[in-house]
Amino acid sequence: MACAAPASADIPVGWSNPKPVPVLHDLLFLLGVPVLITLVIFAAIYLPGIVRGESVAPAGAKTDDQWFGGRRDTAELQAGPTGADAEAAGGDRATGGASGTW
């Protein structure tokens, strides 16, 4: 049965023997590169909109509702048939919608 032991080989002839890299240098490299890439992507996405003067806030762009058939204004809703007029025109079925019955 063989036991695992640390390798005790010397550096081969002709290879350089570099100085150990400080831990702070490794951390700066391993954390700095992803942060730098993230900032570049962030700038590529947001800078064109900022240059054009657009709002980049999540709720900054106010768009109209996108409903099929369009949105009715308040005046149209108030002028529509109500009560007995609606039932004379065909009841609730005249307005459409899901009205499944068993």
PDB file of N, CA and C in Angstrom:
ATOM      1  N   MET A   1       0.853  -1.161   0.000  1.00  0.00           N
ATOM      2  CA  MET A   1       0.000   0.000   0.000  1.00  0.00           C
ATOM      3  C   MET A   1       0.904   1.231   0.000  1.00  0.00           C
ATOM      4  N   ALA A   2       0.608   2.159  -0.903  1.00  0.00           N
ATOM      5  CA  ALA A   2       1.440   3.353  -1.050  1.00  0.00           C
ATOM      6  C   ALA A   2       0.800   4.519  -0.307  1.00  0.00           C
ATOM      7  N   CYS A   3       1.615   5.340   0.268  1.00  0.00           N
ATOM      8  CA  CYS A   3       1.132   6.538   0.971  1.00  0.00           C
ATOM      9  C   CYS A   3       1.397   7.753   0.095  1.00  0.00           C
ATOM     10  N   ALA A   4       0.476   8.671   0.105  1.00  0.00           N
ATOM     11  CA  ALA A   4       0.670   9.898  -0.666  1.00  0.00           C
ATOM     12  C   ALA A   4       1.574  10.819   0.125  1.00  0.00           C
ATOM     13  N   ALA A   5       2.592  11.325  -0.519  1.00  0.00           N
ATOM     14  CA  ALA A   5       3.515  12.247   0.125  1.00  0.00           C
ATOM     15  C   ALA A   5       3.729  13.436  -0.799  1.00  0.00           C
ATOM     16  N   PRO A   6       4.052  14.595  -0.255  1.00  0.00           N
ATOM     17  CA  PRO A   6       4.287  15.748  -1.128  1.00  0.00           C
ATOM     18  C   PRO A   6       5.485  15.489  -2.037  1.00  0.00           C
ATOM     19  N   ALA A   7       5.375  16.050  -3.237  1.00  0.00           N
ATOM     20  CA  ALA A   7       6.458  15.862  -4.202  1.00  0.00           C
ATOM     21  C   ALA A   7       7.690  16.617  -3.729  1.00  0.00           C
ATOM     22  N   SER A   8       8.798  15.972  -3.827  1.00  0.00           N
ATOM     23  CA  SER A   8      10.035  16.620  -3.384  1.00  0.00           C
ATOM     24  C   SER A   8      11.019  16.770  -4.530  1.00  0.00           C
ATOM     25  N   ALA A   9      10.493  16.908  -5.734  1.00  0.00           N
ATOM     26  CA  ALA A   9      11.364  17.027  -6.901  1.00  0.00           C
ATOM     27  C   ALA A   9      11.899  18.444  -6.999  1.00  0.00           C
ATOM     28  N   ASP A  10      13.082  18.572  -7.549  1.00  0.00           N
ATOM     29  CA  ASP A  10      13.679  19.887  -7.783  1.00  0.00           C
ATOM     30  C   ASP A  10      13.125  20.454  -9.083  1.00  0.00           C
ATOM     31  N   ILE A  11      13.313  21.752  -9.252  1.00  0.00           N
ATOM     32  CA  ILE A  11      12.894  22.411 -10.486  1.00  0.00           C
ATOM     33  C   ILE A  11      13.816  21.907 -11.596  1.00  0.00           C
ATOM     34  N   PRO A  12      13.229  21.522 -12.734  1.00  0.00           N
ATOM     35  CA  PRO A  12      14.064  21.007 -13.835  1.00  0.00           C
ATOM     36  C   PRO A  12      15.069  22.049 -14.308  1.00  0.00           C
ATOM     37  N   VAL A  13      16.123  21.578 -14.890  1.00  0.00           N
ATOM     38  CA  VAL A  13      17.186  22.440 -15.393  1.00  0.00           C
ATOM     39  C   VAL A  13      16.644  23.262 -16.566  1.00  0.00           C
ATOM     40  N   GLY A  14      16.897  24.554 -16.567  1.00  0.00           N
ATOM     41  CA  GLY A  14      16.453  25.428 -17.642  1.00  0.00           C
ATOM     42  C   GLY A  14      15.164  26.160 -17.320  1.00  0.00           C
ATOM     43  N   TRP A  15      14.430  25.710 -16.311  1.00  0.00           N
ATOM     44  CA  TRP A  15      13.200  26.401 -15.921  1.00  0.00           C
ATOM     45  C   TRP A  15      13.561  27.531 -14.973  1.00  0.00           C
ATOM     46  N   SER A  16      12.739  28.574 -15.007  1.00  0.00           N
ATOM     47  CA  SER A  16      12.990  29.685 -14.091  1.00  0.00           C
ATOM     48  C   SER A  16      12.402  29.361 -12.722  1.00  0.00           C
ATOM     49  N   ASN A  17      12.903  30.035 -11.738  1.00  0.00           N
ATOM     50  CA  ASN A  17      12.410  29.879 -10.378  1.00  0.00           C
ATOM     51  C   ASN A  17      11.771  31.218  -9.977  1.00  0.00           C
ATOM     52  N   PRO A  18      10.467  31.410 -10.304  1.00  0.00           N
ATOM     53  CA  PRO A  18       9.856  32.714 -10.054  1.00  0.00           C
ATOM     54  C   PRO A  18       9.656  32.970  -8.566  1.00  0.00           C
ATOM     55  N   LYS A  19       9.582  34.256  -8.249  1.00  0.00           N
ATOM     56  CA  LYS A  19       9.309  34.640  -6.863  1.00  0.00           C
ATOM     57  C   LYS A  19       7.848  34.354  -6.564  1.00  0.00           C
ATOM     58  N   PRO A  20       7.503  34.046  -5.326  1.00  0.00           N
ATOM     59  CA  PRO A  20       6.094  33.819  -4.985  1.00  0.00           C
ATOM     60  C   PRO A  20       5.283  35.117  -5.165  1.00  0.00           C
ATOM     61  N   VAL A  21       4.083  34.950  -5.652  1.00  0.00           N
ATOM     62  CA  VAL A  21       3.198  36.097  -5.885  1.00  0.00           C
ATOM     63  C   VAL A  21       2.477  36.411  -4.579  1.00  0.00           C
ATOM     64  N   PRO A  22       2.436  37.696  -4.184  1.00  0.00           N
ATOM     65  CA  PRO A  22       1.728  38.050  -2.949  1.00  0.00           C
ATOM     66  C   PRO A  22       0.223  37.754  -3.058  1.00  0.00           C
ATOM     67  N   VAL A  23      -0.363  37.406  -1.940  1.00  0.00           N
ATOM     68  CA  VAL A  23      -1.790  37.072  -1.895  1.00  0.00           C
ATOM     69  C   VAL A  23      -2.628  38.286  -2.302  1.00  0.00           C
ATOM     70  N   LEU A  24      -2.224  39.472  -1.898  1.00  0.00           N
ATOM     71  CA  LEU A  24      -2.969  40.678  -2.254  1.00  0.00           C
ATOM     72  C   LEU A  24      -3.006  40.863  -3.775  1.00  0.00           C
ATOM     73  N   HIS A  25      -1.902  40.562  -4.443  1.00  0.00           N
ATOM     74  CA  HIS A  25      -1.866  40.660  -5.905  1.00  0.00           C
ATOM     75  C   HIS A  25      -2.851  39.672  -6.529  1.00  0.00           C
ATOM     76  N   ASP A  26      -2.903  38.452  -6.016  1.00  0.00           N
ATOM     77  CA  ASP A  26      -3.841  37.453  -6.524  1.00  0.00           C
ATOM     78  C   ASP A  26      -5.285  37.901  -6.314  1.00  0.00           C
ATOM     79  N   LEU A  27      -5.593  38.397  -5.131  1.00  0.00           N
ATOM     80  CA  LEU A  27      -6.955  38.836  -4.852  1.00  0.00           C
ATOM     81  C   LEU A  27      -7.365  40.005  -5.740  1.00  0.00           C
ATOM     82  N   LEU A  28      -6.460  40.959  -5.907  1.00  0.00           N
ATOM     83  CA  LEU A  28      -6.774  42.088  -6.777  1.00  0.00           C
ATOM     84  C   LEU A  28      -7.014  41.625  -8.211  1.00  0.00           C
ATOM     85  N   PHE A  29      -6.239  40.677  -8.665  1.00  0.00           N
ATOM     86  CA  PHE A  29      -6.412  40.173 -10.026  1.00  0.00           C
ATOM     87  C   PHE A  29      -7.710  39.373 -10.151  1.00  0.00           C
ATOM     88  N   LEU A  30      -7.958  38.467  -9.207  1.00  0.00           N
ATOM     89  CA  LEU A  30      -9.131  37.595  -9.289  1.00  0.00           C
ATOM     90  C   LEU A  30     -10.440  38.352  -9.051  1.00  0.00           C
ATOM     91  N   LEU A  31     -10.399  39.426  -8.291  1.00  0.00           N
ATOM     92  CA  LEU A  31     -11.608  40.219  -8.065  1.00  0.00           C
ATOM     93  C   LEU A  31     -11.686  41.417  -9.004  1.00  0.00           C
ATOM     94  N   GLY A  32     -10.558  41.976  -9.362  1.00  0.00           N
ATOM     95  CA  GLY A  32     -10.538  43.182 -10.179  1.00  0.00           C
ATOM     96  C   GLY A  32     -10.946  42.946 -11.619  1.00  0.00           C
ATOM     97  N   VAL A  33     -10.535  41.831 -12.187  1.00  0.00           N
ATOM     98  CA  VAL A  33     -10.871  41.547 -13.585  1.00  0.00           C
ATOM     99  C   VAL A  33     -12.382  41.369 -13.761  1.00  0.00           C
ATOM    100  N   PRO A  34     -13.089  40.570 -12.940  1.00  0.00           N
ATOM    101  CA  PRO A  34     -14.545  40.467 -13.108  1.00  0.00           C
ATOM    102  C   PRO A  34     -15.263  41.799 -12.876  1.00  0.00           C
ATOM    103  N   VAL A  35     -14.790  42.581 -11.908  1.00  0.00           N
ATOM    104  CA  VAL A  35     -15.415  43.893 -11.666  1.00  0.00           C
ATOM    105  C   VAL A  35     -15.199  44.800 -12.875  1.00  0.00           C
ATOM    106  N   LEU A  36     -14.025  44.778 -13.447  1.00  0.00           N
ATOM    107  CA  LEU A  36     -13.744  45.593 -14.626  1.00  0.00           C
ATOM    108  C   LEU A  36     -14.616  45.168 -15.816  1.00  0.00           C
ATOM    109  N   ILE A  37     -14.770  43.883 -16.026  1.00  0.00           N
ATOM    110  CA  ILE A  37     -15.625  43.389 -17.107  1.00  0.00           C
ATOM    111  C   ILE A  37     -17.075  43.805 -16.868  1.00  0.00           C
ATOM    112  N   THR A  38     -17.525  43.709 -15.623  1.00  0.00           N
ATOM    113  CA  THR A  38     -18.890  44.123 -15.290  1.00  0.00           C
ATOM    114  C   THR A  38     -19.098  45.601 -15.561  1.00  0.00           C
ATOM    115  N   LEU A  39     -18.138  46.432 -15.205  1.00  0.00           N
ATOM    116  CA  LEU A  39     -18.257  47.868 -15.454  1.00  0.00           C
ATOM    117  C   LEU A  39     -18.274  48.189 -16.946  1.00  0.00           C
ATOM    118  N   VAL A  40     -17.498  47.466 -17.731  1.00  0.00           N
ATOM    119  CA  VAL A  40     -17.498  47.686 -19.184  1.00  0.00           C
ATOM    120  C   VAL A  40     -18.860  47.312 -19.772  1.00  0.00           C
ATOM    121  N   ILE A  41     -19.426  46.192 -19.357  1.00  0.00           N
ATOM    122  CA  ILE A  41     -20.746  45.789 -19.848  1.00  0.00           C
ATOM    123  C   ILE A  41     -21.810  46.790 -19.403  1.00  0.00           C
ATOM    124  N   PHE A  42     -21.749  47.205 -18.159  1.00  0.00           N
ATOM    125  CA  PHE A  42     -22.687  48.200 -17.629  1.00  0.00           C
ATOM    126  C   PHE A  42     -22.618  49.484 -18.445  1.00  0.00           C
ATOM    127  N   ALA A  43     -21.415  49.945 -18.738  1.00  0.00           N
ATOM    128  CA  ALA A  43     -21.243  51.173 -19.518  1.00  0.00           C
ATOM    129  C   ALA A  43     -21.766  50.984 -20.940  1.00  0.00           C
ATOM    130  N   ALA A  44     -21.531  49.830 -21.539  1.00  0.00           N
ATOM    131  CA  ALA A  44     -22.000  49.591 -22.906  1.00  0.00           C
ATOM    132  C   ALA A  44     -23.521  49.573 -22.986  1.00  0.00           C
ATOM    133  N   ILE A  45     -24.176  49.195 -21.899  1.00  0.00           N
ATOM    134  CA  ILE A  45     -25.639  49.134 -21.907  1.00  0.00           C
ATOM    135  C   ILE A  45     -26.260  50.486 -21.564  1.00  0.00           C
ATOM    136  N   TYR A  46     -25.760  51.146 -20.535  1.00  0.00           N
ATOM    137  CA  TYR A  46     -26.414  52.347 -20.033  1.00  0.00           C
ATOM    138  C   TYR A  46     -25.918  53.658 -20.645  1.00  0.00           C
ATOM    139  N   LEU A  47     -24.679  53.737 -21.054  1.00  0.00           N
ATOM    140  CA  LEU A  47     -24.170  55.011 -21.568  1.00  0.00           C
ATOM    141  C   LEU A  47     -24.887  55.516 -22.815  1.00  0.00           C
ATOM    142  N   PRO A  48     -25.224  54.681 -23.798  1.00  0.00           N
ATOM    143  CA  PRO A  48     -25.945  55.223 -24.952  1.00  0.00           C
ATOM    144  C   PRO A  48     -27.273  55.885 -24.580  1.00  0.00           C
ATOM    145  N   GLY A  49     -28.006  55.303 -23.654  1.00  0.00           N
ATOM    146  CA  GLY A  49     -29.271  55.892 -23.217  1.00  0.00           C
ATOM    147  C   GLY A  49     -29.067  57.186 -22.456  1.00  0.00           C
ATOM    148  N   ILE A  50     -28.040  57.231 -21.631  1.00  0.00           N
ATOM    149  CA  ILE A  50     -27.751  58.444 -20.871  1.00  0.00           C
ATOM    150  C   ILE A  50     -27.328  59.560 -21.815  1.00  0.00           C
ATOM    151  N   VAL A  51     -26.538  59.233 -22.832  1.00  0.00           N
ATOM    152  CA  VAL A  51     -26.092  60.240 -23.799  1.00  0.00           C
ATOM    153  C   VAL A  51     -27.281  60.802 -24.573  1.00  0.00           C
ATOM    154  N   ARG A  52     -28.264  59.955 -24.896  1.00  0.00           N
ATOM    155  CA  ARG A  52     -29.456  60.411 -25.614  1.00  0.00           C
ATOM    156  C   ARG A  52     -30.408  61.173 -24.709  1.00  0.00           C
ATOM    157  N   GLY A  53     -30.176  61.162 -23.395  1.00  0.00           N
ATOM    158  CA  GLY A  53     -31.031  61.885 -22.462  1.00  0.00           C
ATOM    159  C   GLY A  53     -32.220  61.082 -21.980  1.00  0.00           C
ATOM    160  N   GLU A  54     -32.190  59.781 -22.177  1.00  0.00           N
ATOM    161  CA  GLU A  54     -33.287  58.936 -21.730  1.00  0.00           C
ATOM    162  C   GLU A  54     -33.143  58.633 -20.243  1.00  0.00           C
ATOM    163  N   SER A  55     -34.249  58.300 -19.626  1.00  0.00           N
ATOM    164  CA  SER A  55     -34.222  57.903 -18.229  1.00  0.00           C
ATOM    165  C   SER A  55     -33.818  56.433 -18.150  1.00  0.00           C
ATOM    166  N   VAL A  56     -32.903  56.114 -17.275  1.00  0.00           N
ATOM    167  CA  VAL A  56     -32.463  54.732 -17.135  1.00  0.00           C
ATOM    168  C   VAL A  56     -32.998  54.086 -15.860  1.00  0.00           C
ATOM    169  N   ALA A  57     -33.888  54.794 -15.161  1.00  0.00           N
ATOM    170  CA  ALA A  57     -34.504  54.225 -13.968  1.00  0.00           C
ATOM    171  C   ALA A  57     -35.432  53.087 -14.384  1.00  0.00           C
ATOM    172  N   PRO A  58     -35.620  52.079 -13.526  1.00  0.00           N
ATOM    173  CA  PRO A  58     -36.474  50.948 -13.902  1.00  0.00           C
ATOM    174  C   PRO A  58     -37.889  51.361 -14.306  1.00  0.00           C
ATOM    175  N   ALA A  59     -38.470  52.347 -13.625  1.00  0.00           N
ATOM    176  CA  ALA A  59     -39.816  52.796 -13.978  1.00  0.00           C
ATOM    177  C   ALA A  59     -39.765  54.151 -14.666  1.00  0.00           C
ATOM    178  N   GLY A  60     -38.625  54.522 -15.210  1.00  0.00           N
ATOM    179  CA  GLY A  60     -38.455  55.844 -15.801  1.00  0.00           C
ATOM    180  C   GLY A  60     -39.179  56.030 -17.110  1.00  0.00           C
ATOM    181  N   ALA A  61     -39.247  55.007 -17.937  1.00  0.00           N
ATOM    182  CA  ALA A  61     -39.891  55.144 -19.239  1.00  0.00           C
ATOM    183  C   ALA A  61     -41.371  54.839 -19.090  1.00  0.00           C
ATOM    184  N   LYS A  62     -42.197  55.842 -19.292  1.00  0.00           N
ATOM    185  CA  LYS A  62     -43.642  55.658 -19.215  1.00  0.00           C
ATOM    186  C   LYS A  62     -44.162  55.316 -20.602  1.00  0.00           C
ATOM    187  N   THR A  63     -44.716  54.147 -20.741  1.00  0.00           N
ATOM    188  CA  THR A  63     -45.284  53.737 -22.016  1.00  0.00           C
ATOM    189  C   THR A  63     -46.780  53.560 -21.862  1.00  0.00           C
ATOM    190  N   ASP A  64     -47.492  53.665 -22.974  1.00  0.00           N
ATOM    191  CA  ASP A  64     -48.925  53.414 -22.942  1.00  0.00           C
ATOM    192  C   ASP A  64     -49.159  51.928 -22.720  1.00  0.00           C
ATOM    193  N   ASP A  65     -50.336  51.638 -22.168  1.00  0.00           N
ATOM    194  CA  ASP A  65     -50.688  50.238 -21.995  1.00  0.00           C
ATOM    195  C   ASP A  65     -50.818  49.583 -23.362  1.00  0.00           C
ATOM    196  N   GLN A  66     -50.404  48.359 -23.444  1.00  0.00           N
ATOM    197  CA  GLN A  66     -50.478  47.643 -24.707  1.00  0.00           C
ATOM    198  C   GLN A  66     -51.508  46.535 -24.565  1.00  0.00           C
ATOM    199  N   TRP A  67     -52.756  46.902 -24.787  1.00  0.00           N
ATOM    200  CA  TRP A  67     -53.850  45.956 -24.663  1.00  0.00           C
ATOM    201  C   TRP A  67     -54.372  45.628 -26.044  1.00  0.00           C
ATOM    202  N   PHE A  68     -54.827  44.401 -26.237  1.00  0.00           N
ATOM    203  CA  PHE A  68     -55.454  44.033 -27.497  1.00  0.00           C
ATOM    204  C   PHE A  68     -56.789  44.750 -27.598  1.00  0.00           C
ATOM    205  N   GLY A  69     -57.032  45.384 -28.709  1.00  0.00           N
ATOM    206  CA  GLY A  69     -58.277  46.112 -28.897  1.00  0.00           C
ATOM    207  C   GLY A  69     -58.205  47.531 -28.370  1.00  0.00           C
ATOM    208  N   GLY A  70     -57.109  47.913 -27.774  1.00  0.00           N
ATOM    209  CA  GLY A  70     -56.943  49.279 -27.286  1.00  0.00           C
ATOM    210  C   GLY A  70     -57.596  49.499 -25.937  1.00  0.00           C
ATOM    211  N   ARG A  71     -57.275  50.625 -25.342  1.00  0.00           N
ATOM    212  CA  ARG A  71     -57.806  50.983 -24.038  1.00  0.00           C
ATOM    213  C   ARG A  71     -58.900  52.022 -24.221  1.00  0.00           C
ATOM    214  N   ARG A  72     -59.988  51.831 -23.519  1.00  0.00           N
ATOM    215  CA  ARG A  72     -61.080  52.792 -23.603  1.00  0.00           C
ATOM    216  C   ARG A  72     -60.833  53.911 -22.611  1.00  0.00           C
ATOM    217  N   ASP A  73     -61.118  55.134 -23.037  1.00  0.00           N
ATOM    218  CA  ASP A  73     -60.966  56.287 -22.151  1.00  0.00           C
ATOM    219  C   ASP A  73     -62.110  56.322 -21.149  1.00  0.00           C
ATOM    220  N   THR A  74     -61.965  57.135 -20.131  1.00  0.00           N
ATOM    221  CA  THR A  74     -62.981  57.256 -19.084  1.00  0.00           C
ATOM    222  C   THR A  74     -64.290  57.771 -19.662  1.00  0.00           C
ATOM    223  N   ALA A  75     -64.244  58.681 -20.619  1.00  0.00           N
ATOM    224  CA  ALA A  75     -65.463  59.214 -21.221  1.00  0.00           C
ATOM    225  C   ALA A  75     -66.240  58.108 -21.930  1.00  0.00           C
ATOM    226  N   GLU A  76     -65.552  57.204 -22.593  1.00  0.00           N
ATOM    227  CA  GLU A  76     -66.232  56.096 -23.262  1.00  0.00           C
ATOM    228  C   GLU A  76     -66.855  55.149 -22.252  1.00  0.00           C
ATOM    229  N   LEU A  77     -66.200  54.942 -21.138  1.00  0.00           N
ATOM    230  CA  LEU A  77     -66.733  54.050 -20.121  1.00  0.00           C
ATOM    231  C   LEU A  77     -67.997  54.634 -19.499  1.00  0.00           C
ATOM    232  N   GLN A  78     -68.016  55.941 -19.268  1.00  0.00           N
ATOM    233  CA  GLN A  78     -69.181  56.580 -18.661  1.00  0.00           C
ATOM    234  C   GLN A  78     -70.333  56.664 -19.637  1.00  0.00           C
ATOM    235  N   ALA A  79     -70.080  56.760 -20.937  1.00  0.00           N
ATOM    236  CA  ALA A  79     -71.132  56.895 -21.933  1.00  0.00           C
ATOM    237  C   ALA A  79     -71.721  55.552 -22.331  1.00  0.00           C
ATOM    238  N   GLY A  80     -71.126  54.444 -21.923  1.00  0.00           N
ATOM    239  CA  GLY A  80     -71.600  53.124 -22.313  1.00  0.00           C
ATOM    240  C   GLY A  80     -72.925  52.783 -21.659  1.00  0.00           C
ATOM    241  N   PRO A  81     -73.611  51.741 -22.155  1.00  0.00           N
ATOM    242  CA  PRO A  81     -74.902  51.345 -21.589  1.00  0.00           C
ATOM    243  C   PRO A  81     -74.718  50.814 -20.170  1.00  0.00           C
ATOM    244  N   THR A  82     -75.649  51.156 -19.292  1.00  0.00           N
ATOM    245  CA  THR A  82     -75.598  50.700 -17.906  1.00  0.00           C
ATOM    246  C   THR A  82     -76.952  50.158 -17.494  1.00  0.00           C
ATOM    247  N   GLY A  83     -76.944  49.284 -16.514  1.00  0.00           N
ATOM    248  CA  GLY A  83     -78.189  48.794 -15.906  1.00  0.00           C
ATOM    249  C   GLY A  83     -79.103  48.119 -16.903  1.00  0.00           C
ATOM    250  N   ALA A  84     -80.339  48.635 -17.005  1.00  0.00           N
ATOM    251  CA  ALA A  84     -81.360  48.037 -17.862  1.00  0.00           C
ATOM    252  C   ALA A  84     -80.980  48.140 -19.329  1.00  0.00           C
ATOM    253  N   ASP A  85     -80.261  49.199 -19.721  1.00  0.00           N
ATOM    254  CA  ASP A  85     -79.840  49.339 -21.110  1.00  0.00           C
ATOM    255  C   ASP A  85     -78.896  48.206 -21.515  1.00  0.00           C
ATOM    256  N   ALA A  86     -78.019  47.806 -20.606  1.00  0.00           N
ATOM    257  CA  ALA A  86     -77.068  46.743 -20.902  1.00  0.00           C
ATOM    258  C   ALA A  86     -77.780  45.413 -21.065  1.00  0.00           C
ATOM    259  N   GLU A  87     -78.794  45.137 -20.219  1.00  0.00           N
ATOM    260  CA  GLU A  87     -79.517  43.869 -20.330  1.00  0.00           C
ATOM    261  C   GLU A  87     -80.388  43.851 -21.570  1.00  0.00           C
ATOM    262  N   ALA A  88     -80.900  44.998 -21.968  1.00  0.00           N
ATOM    263  CA  ALA A  88     -81.701  45.073 -23.184  1.00  0.00           C
ATOM    264  C   ALA A  88     -80.825  44.840 -24.411  1.00  0.00           C
ATOM    265  N   ALA A  89     -79.554  45.205 -24.310  1.00  0.00           N
ATOM    266  CA  ALA A  89     -78.634  45.041 -25.436  1.00  0.00           C
ATOM    267  C   ALA A  89     -78.061  43.636 -25.514  1.00  0.00           C
ATOM    268  N   GLY A  90     -78.432  42.771 -24.602  1.00  0.00           N
ATOM    269  CA  GLY A  90     -77.932  41.395 -24.670  1.00  0.00           C
ATOM    270  C   GLY A  90     -77.256  40.955 -23.393  1.00  0.00           C
ATOM    271  N   GLY A  91     -77.371  41.723 -22.338  1.00  0.00           N
ATOM    272  CA  GLY A  91     -76.820  41.335 -21.050  1.00  0.00           C
ATOM    273  C   GLY A  91     -75.310  41.395 -21.030  1.00  0.00           C
ATOM    274  N   ASP A  92     -74.727  40.607 -20.174  1.00  0.00           N
ATOM    275  CA  ASP A  92     -73.274  40.603 -20.022  1.00  0.00           C
ATOM    276  C   ASP A  92     -72.582  39.987 -21.225  1.00  0.00           C
ATOM    277  N   ARG A  93     -73.263  39.154 -21.965  1.00  0.00           N
ATOM    278  CA  ARG A  93     -72.641  38.485 -23.105  1.00  0.00           C
ATOM    279  C   ARG A  93     -72.300  39.470 -24.222  1.00  0.00           C
ATOM    280  N   ALA A  94     -72.953  40.631 -24.254  1.00  0.00           N
ATOM    281  CA  ALA A  94     -72.679  41.613 -25.302  1.00  0.00           C
ATOM    282  C   ALA A  94     -71.301  42.243 -25.138  1.00  0.00           C
ATOM    283  N   THR A  95     -70.775  42.224 -23.930  1.00  0.00           N
ATOM    284  CA  THR A  95     -69.478  42.834 -23.697  1.00  0.00           C
ATOM    285  C   THR A  95     -68.341  41.862 -23.914  1.00  0.00           C
ATOM    286  N   GLY A  96     -68.633  40.577 -24.120  1.00  0.00           N
ATOM    287  CA  GLY A  96     -67.578  39.602 -24.341  1.00  0.00           C
ATOM    288  C   GLY A  96     -66.995  39.094 -23.042  1.00  0.00           C
ATOM    289  N   GLY A  97     -65.932  38.343 -23.137  1.00  0.00           N
ATOM    290  CA  GLY A  97     -65.282  37.816 -21.949  1.00  0.00           C
ATOM    291  C   GLY A  97     -65.545  36.335 -21.789  1.00  0.00           C
ATOM    292  N   ALA A  98     -64.987  35.755 -20.757  1.00  0.00           N
ATOM    293  CA  ALA A  98     -65.140  34.341 -20.493  1.00  0.00           C
ATOM    294  C   ALA A  98     -66.378  34.139 -19.639  1.00  0.00           C
ATOM    295  N   SER A  99     -67.348  33.451 -20.158  1.00  0.00           N
ATOM    296  CA  SER A  99     -68.581  33.203 -19.388  1.00  0.00           C
ATOM    297  C   SER A  99     -68.974  31.736 -19.531  1.00  0.00           C
ATOM    298  N   GLY A 100     -68.078  30.858 -19.225  1.00  0.00           N
ATOM    299  CA  GLY A 100     -68.351  29.429 -19.348  1.00  0.00           C
ATOM    300  C   GLY A 100     -69.306  28.958 -18.276  1.00  0.00           C
ATOM    301  N   THR A 101     -70.248  28.129 -18.638  1.00  0.00           N
ATOM    302  CA  THR A 101     -71.178  27.565 -17.680  1.00  0.00           C
ATOM    303  C   THR A 101     -71.226  26.062 -17.883  1.00  0.00           C
ATOM    304  N   TRP A 102     -71.667  25.359 -16.857  1.00  0.00           N
ATOM    305  CA  TRP A 102     -71.781  23.911 -16.949  1.00  0.00           C
ATOM    306  C   TRP A 102     -73.214  23.537 -17.111  1.00  0.00           C
TER     307      TRP A 102
END
